[in-house]
Each structure stands twice: as structure tokens, then as C-alpha cells.
Amino acid sequence: MNTFYEEIKYNDTILAIIVRSGYSSDNAYTFFTNNNDTLQLAYIHHPTGKSVDSHIHNDIKREVYRTKEVVFVKSGILKTDFYNEDMEHICSRILEKGDVVLLSQGGHGFEVVEEVEMIVAKQGPYAGEEDKTRFYP
């Protein structure tokens, strides 16, 4: 098991992908998601002097049926609980400074263990309360 990369699974479904701050690879691109996922997560490693061609992302209509989100922990400690689609608790993990988690399926919850700063990215537009179902395990 790679201690810097973990897939949280329930049956054959990936609920989340955790990439720890210590993750490293000599590969230029390491994608943790597949080409069909509606939110991509990758590790990129380029040497000094490498250039990436300037580009524009083209308008392409995509259909997204579930919001996925990426959480980057800037500082602090965050306990993250993972749930299946039936809202049953699967496991918990502690995320620390520099860790990244892609939340793709099932449910999740957070408990701040130590004051936390995080950056979150997810698909929009935000649909308000229609966007999520809250539950209290």
C-alpha cells in the first residue's frame, strides 16, 4: 500500500481519493482519476525550464449528475468521515497540512481537530439546498 495515496472504496465504488502531502513521482503526469470522471485529479511534476504550451479550454457541453469536490488542507487537522450511498459510515481519515482529497461518491462529513484552513473546488453552479441531502449519523 502506498502511504501517500489511498482510494477509499465501498464494494467496487471509489468514494474518495486521498493524496498526502508527501506524495511524489518522477512521472510528468500522474492521473488518479480516469478519463470518464467528471472531475479530474492529477499530480504534475516538471523540471525547471519546462514549458507548457499556452492554451484555451474549448467550450464543450458536459452533463454532470453529481457534484464532486476537491479539498486541499492548507493548515490544521481535519477528520474526514466517508459514507456509502445508504449513508452508512465506511471509515474515517485524518487529513493534515498539504493533503488533498477528491470526494466523488457516497457521503462525507468533517470534524475540525485543529483549526483548519482549506481550499475547496467543486462543479457549479451551486444549486443551494437542492445540491445536497444532509444526514446525521
C-alpha atoms as a PDB file:
ATOM      1  CA  MET A   1       0.000   0.000   0.000  1.00  0.00           C
ATOM      2  CA  ASN A   2       1.288   3.453  -0.913  1.00  0.00           C
ATOM      3  CA  THR A   3       1.036   5.513   2.278  1.00  0.00           C
ATOM      4  CA  PHE A   4       0.904   8.743   0.237  1.00  0.00           C
ATOM      5  CA  TYR A   5      -2.035   7.706  -1.953  1.00  0.00           C
ATOM      6  CA  GLU A   6      -5.233   5.942  -0.917  1.00  0.00           C
ATOM      7  CA  GLU A   7      -8.548   5.089  -2.548  1.00  0.00           C
ATOM      8  CA  ILE A   8     -11.480   4.906  -0.139  1.00  0.00           C
ATOM      9  CA  LYS A   9     -13.781   2.235  -1.579  1.00  0.00           C
ATOM     10  CA  TYR A  10     -17.103   0.645  -0.795  1.00  0.00           C
ATOM     11  CA  ASN A  11     -17.594  -2.542  -2.783  1.00  0.00           C
ATOM     12  CA  ASP A  12     -16.126  -1.565  -6.178  1.00  0.00           C
ATOM     13  CA  THR A  13     -17.024   2.120  -5.972  1.00  0.00           C
ATOM     14  CA  ILE A  14     -14.351   4.715  -5.254  1.00  0.00           C
ATOM     15  CA  LEU A  15     -15.836   7.115  -2.697  1.00  0.00           C
ATOM     16  CA  ALA A  16     -12.732   9.281  -2.393  1.00  0.00           C
ATOM     17  CA  ILE A  17      -9.079   9.585  -3.316  1.00  0.00           C
ATOM     18  CA  ILE A  18      -6.571  10.930  -0.805  1.00  0.00           C
ATOM     19  CA  VAL A  19      -3.193  12.245  -1.926  1.00  0.00           C
ATOM     20  CA  ARG A  20      -0.942  13.022   1.037  1.00  0.00           C
ATOM     21  CA  SER A  21       1.442  15.968   1.146  1.00  0.00           C
ATOM     22  CA  GLY A  22       4.407  13.594   0.861  1.00  0.00           C
ATOM     23  CA  TYR A  23       3.288  12.145  -2.477  1.00  0.00           C
ATOM     24  CA  SER A  24       5.912  12.352  -5.202  1.00  0.00           C
ATOM     25  CA  SER A  25       6.526  10.855  -8.614  1.00  0.00           C
ATOM     26  CA  ASP A  26       9.111  11.278 -11.342  1.00  0.00           C
ATOM     27  CA  ASN A  27       6.336  10.999 -13.958  1.00  0.00           C
ATOM     28  CA  ALA A  28       5.403  14.265 -15.640  1.00  0.00           C
ATOM     29  CA  TYR A  29       1.686  13.490 -15.189  1.00  0.00           C
ATOM     30  CA  THR A  30       0.027  11.053 -12.816  1.00  0.00           C
ATOM     31  CA  PHE A  31      -3.757  10.988 -13.091  1.00  0.00           C
ATOM     32  CA  PHE A  32      -5.587   9.485 -10.120  1.00  0.00           C
ATOM     33  CA  THR A  33      -8.922   9.595 -11.971  1.00  0.00           C
ATOM     34  CA  ASN A  34      -9.903   8.101 -15.299  1.00  0.00           C
ATOM     35  CA  ASN A  35     -10.879   9.981 -18.459  1.00  0.00           C
ATOM     36  CA  ASN A  36     -14.604   9.463 -17.808  1.00  0.00           C
ATOM     37  CA  ASP A  37     -14.661  11.097 -14.363  1.00  0.00           C
ATOM     38  CA  THR A  38     -16.406  14.473 -14.299  1.00  0.00           C
ATOM     39  CA  LEU A  39     -13.682  15.964 -12.116  1.00  0.00           C
ATOM     40  CA  GLN A  40     -10.063  15.088 -12.808  1.00  0.00           C
ATOM     41  CA  LEU A  41      -7.299  14.892 -10.212  1.00  0.00           C
ATOM     42  CA  ALA A  42      -3.639  14.675 -11.190  1.00  0.00           C
ATOM     43  CA  TYR A  43      -0.141  15.148  -9.833  1.00  0.00           C
ATOM     44  CA  ILE A  44       2.140  17.071 -12.174  1.00  0.00           C
ATOM     45  CA  HIS A  45       5.928  17.151 -11.894  1.00  0.00           C
ATOM     46  CA  HIS A  46       8.012  19.226 -14.320  1.00  0.00           C
ATOM     47  CA  PRO A  47      11.711  20.093 -14.138  1.00  0.00           C
ATOM     48  CA  THR A  48      12.996  23.656 -14.091  1.00  0.00           C
ATOM     49  CA  GLY A  49      12.738  25.226 -17.533  1.00  0.00           C
ATOM     50  CA  LYS A  50       9.877  23.029 -18.757  1.00  0.00           C
ATOM     51  CA  SER A  51       7.283  24.919 -20.790  1.00  0.00           C
ATOM     52  CA  VAL A  52       3.637  24.035 -21.129  1.00  0.00           C
ATOM     53  CA  ASP A  53       2.046  25.297 -24.338  1.00  0.00           C
ATOM     54  CA  SER A  54      -0.323  28.209 -23.811  1.00  0.00           C
ATOM     55  CA  HIS A  55      -3.864  27.054 -24.414  1.00  0.00           C
ATOM     56  CA  ILE A  56      -7.564  27.786 -24.049  1.00  0.00           C
ATOM     57  CA  HIS A  57     -10.075  25.189 -22.918  1.00  0.00           C
ATOM     58  CA  ASN A  58     -12.737  24.822 -25.585  1.00  0.00           C
ATOM     59  CA  ASP A  59     -16.451  25.091 -24.938  1.00  0.00           C
ATOM     60  CA  ILE A  60     -17.664  21.508 -24.695  1.00  0.00           C
ATOM     61  CA  LYS A  61     -21.071  20.659 -23.285  1.00  0.00           C
ATOM     62  CA  ARG A  62     -20.810  18.141 -20.469  1.00  0.00           C
ATOM     63  CA  GLU A  63     -23.502  16.621 -18.297  1.00  0.00           C
ATOM     64  CA  VAL A  64     -22.772  16.314 -14.598  1.00  0.00           C
ATOM     65  CA  TYR A  65     -25.223  14.450 -12.375  1.00  0.00           C
ATOM     66  CA  ARG A  66     -23.346  14.592  -9.087  1.00  0.00           C
ATOM     67  CA  THR A  67     -21.210  17.253  -7.505  1.00  0.00           C
ATOM     68  CA  LYS A  68     -17.675  16.149  -6.789  1.00  0.00           C
ATOM     69  CA  GLU A  69     -15.308  18.236  -4.738  1.00  0.00           C
ATOM     70  CA  VAL A  70     -11.627  18.546  -4.006  1.00  0.00           C
ATOM     71  CA  VAL A  71     -10.433  19.704  -0.586  1.00  0.00           C
ATOM     72  CA  PHE A  72      -6.866  20.965  -0.135  1.00  0.00           C
ATOM     73  CA  VAL A  73      -5.837  21.354   3.526  1.00  0.00           C
ATOM     74  CA  LYS A  74      -3.652  24.475   3.810  1.00  0.00           C
ATOM     75  CA  SER A  75      -3.181  24.144   7.565  1.00  0.00           C
ATOM     76  CA  GLY A  76      -4.590  22.328  10.558  1.00  0.00           C
ATOM     77  CA  ILE A  77      -6.020  18.856  11.048  1.00  0.00           C
ATOM     78  CA  LEU A  78      -9.341  17.684   9.628  1.00  0.00           C
ATOM     79  CA  LYS A  79     -11.063  14.401  10.452  1.00  0.00           C
ATOM     80  CA  THR A  80     -12.991  13.227   7.386  1.00  0.00           C
ATOM     81  CA  ASP A  81     -15.757  10.639   7.604  1.00  0.00           C
ATOM     82  CA  PHE A  82     -16.728   8.653   4.500  1.00  0.00           C
ATOM     83  CA  TYR A  83     -20.180   7.159   3.914  1.00  0.00           C
ATOM     84  CA  ASN A  84     -21.714   4.921   1.242  1.00  0.00           C
ATOM     85  CA  GLU A  85     -24.859   5.838  -0.729  1.00  0.00           C
ATOM     86  CA  ASP A  86     -27.009   4.420   2.089  1.00  0.00           C
ATOM     87  CA  MET A  87     -25.428   6.952   4.487  1.00  0.00           C
ATOM     88  CA  GLU A  88     -23.626   4.173   6.377  1.00  0.00           C
ATOM     89  CA  HIS A  89     -20.235   5.090   7.830  1.00  0.00           C
ATOM     90  CA  ILE A  90     -17.397   3.328   5.981  1.00  0.00           C
ATOM     91  CA  CYS A  91     -14.280   4.810   7.585  1.00  0.00           C
ATOM     92  CA  SER A  92     -12.566   7.976   8.797  1.00  0.00           C
ATOM     93  CA  ARG A  93      -9.221   9.502   7.894  1.00  0.00           C
ATOM     94  CA  ILE A  94      -7.189  12.352   9.323  1.00  0.00           C
ATOM     95  CA  LEU A  95      -6.086  14.972   6.794  1.00  0.00           C
ATOM     96  CA  GLU A  96      -3.244  17.338   7.578  1.00  0.00           C
ATOM     97  CA  LYS A  97      -1.457  20.299   6.003  1.00  0.00           C
ATOM     98  CA  GLY A  98      -0.792  19.682   2.316  1.00  0.00           C
ATOM     99  CA  ASP A  99      -3.161  16.712   1.968  1.00  0.00           C
ATOM    100  CA  VAL A 100      -5.732  16.654  -0.838  1.00  0.00           C
ATOM    101  CA  VAL A 101      -8.928  14.610  -1.039  1.00  0.00           C
ATOM    102  CA  LEU A 102     -11.246  14.137  -4.014  1.00  0.00           C
ATOM    103  CA  LEU A 103     -14.762  13.358  -2.789  1.00  0.00           C
ATOM    104  CA  SER A 104     -16.503  11.612  -5.668  1.00  0.00           C
ATOM    105  CA  GLN A 105     -19.266   9.258  -4.476  1.00  0.00           C
ATOM    106  CA  GLY A 106     -21.187   8.491  -1.303  1.00  0.00           C
ATOM    107  CA  GLY A 107     -21.237  10.998   1.520  1.00  0.00           C
ATOM    108  CA  HIS A 108     -18.749  12.754   3.723  1.00  0.00           C
ATOM    109  CA  GLY A 109     -18.520  14.809   6.879  1.00  0.00           C
ATOM    110  CA  PHE A 110     -15.812  16.792   8.613  1.00  0.00           C
ATOM    111  CA  GLU A 111     -14.685  17.456  12.161  1.00  0.00           C
ATOM    112  CA  VAL A 112     -12.030  20.099  12.804  1.00  0.00           C
ATOM    113  CA  VAL A 113      -9.418  18.546  15.082  1.00  0.00           C
ATOM    114  CA  GLU A 114      -7.093  21.554  14.906  1.00  0.00           C
ATOM    115  CA  GLU A 115      -8.060  24.935  13.431  1.00  0.00           C
ATOM    116  CA  VAL A 116      -8.098  24.399   9.698  1.00  0.00           C
ATOM    117  CA  GLU A 117      -7.705  26.411   6.526  1.00  0.00           C
ATOM    118  CA  MET A 118      -8.719  24.657   3.351  1.00  0.00           C
ATOM    119  CA  ILE A 119      -9.396  25.369  -0.274  1.00  0.00           C
ATOM    120  CA  VAL A 120     -12.374  23.628  -1.881  1.00  0.00           C
ATOM    121  CA  ALA A 121     -13.071  23.249  -5.601  1.00  0.00           C
ATOM    122  CA  LYS A 122     -16.259  21.733  -6.997  1.00  0.00           C
ATOM    123  CA  GLN A 123     -18.512  21.933 -10.031  1.00  0.00           C
ATOM    124  CA  GLY A 124     -21.031  24.716 -10.257  1.00  0.00           C
ATOM    125  CA  PRO A 125     -23.325  26.391 -10.433  1.00  0.00           C
ATOM    126  CA  TYR A 126     -24.322  25.853  -6.795  1.00  0.00           C
ATOM    127  CA  ALA A 127     -27.942  24.692  -6.510  1.00  0.00           C
ATOM    128  CA  GLY A 128     -28.488  25.773  -2.886  1.00  0.00           C
ATOM    129  CA  GLU A 129     -30.176  23.287  -0.591  1.00  0.00           C
ATOM    130  CA  GLU A 130     -31.175  21.167  -3.619  1.00  0.00           C
ATOM    131  CA  ASP A 131     -27.463  20.451  -4.047  1.00  0.00           C
ATOM    132  CA  LYS A 132     -27.167  18.115  -1.056  1.00  0.00           C
ATOM    133  CA  THR A 133     -29.005  15.857   1.364  1.00  0.00           C
ATOM    134  CA  ARG A 134     -27.921  16.393   4.956  1.00  0.00           C
ATOM    135  CA  PHE A 135     -27.982  13.456   7.363  1.00  0.00           C
ATOM    136  CA  TYR A 136     -26.981  12.905  10.979  1.00  0.00           C
ATOM    137  CA  PRO A 137     -25.420   9.503  11.588  1.00  0.00           C
END
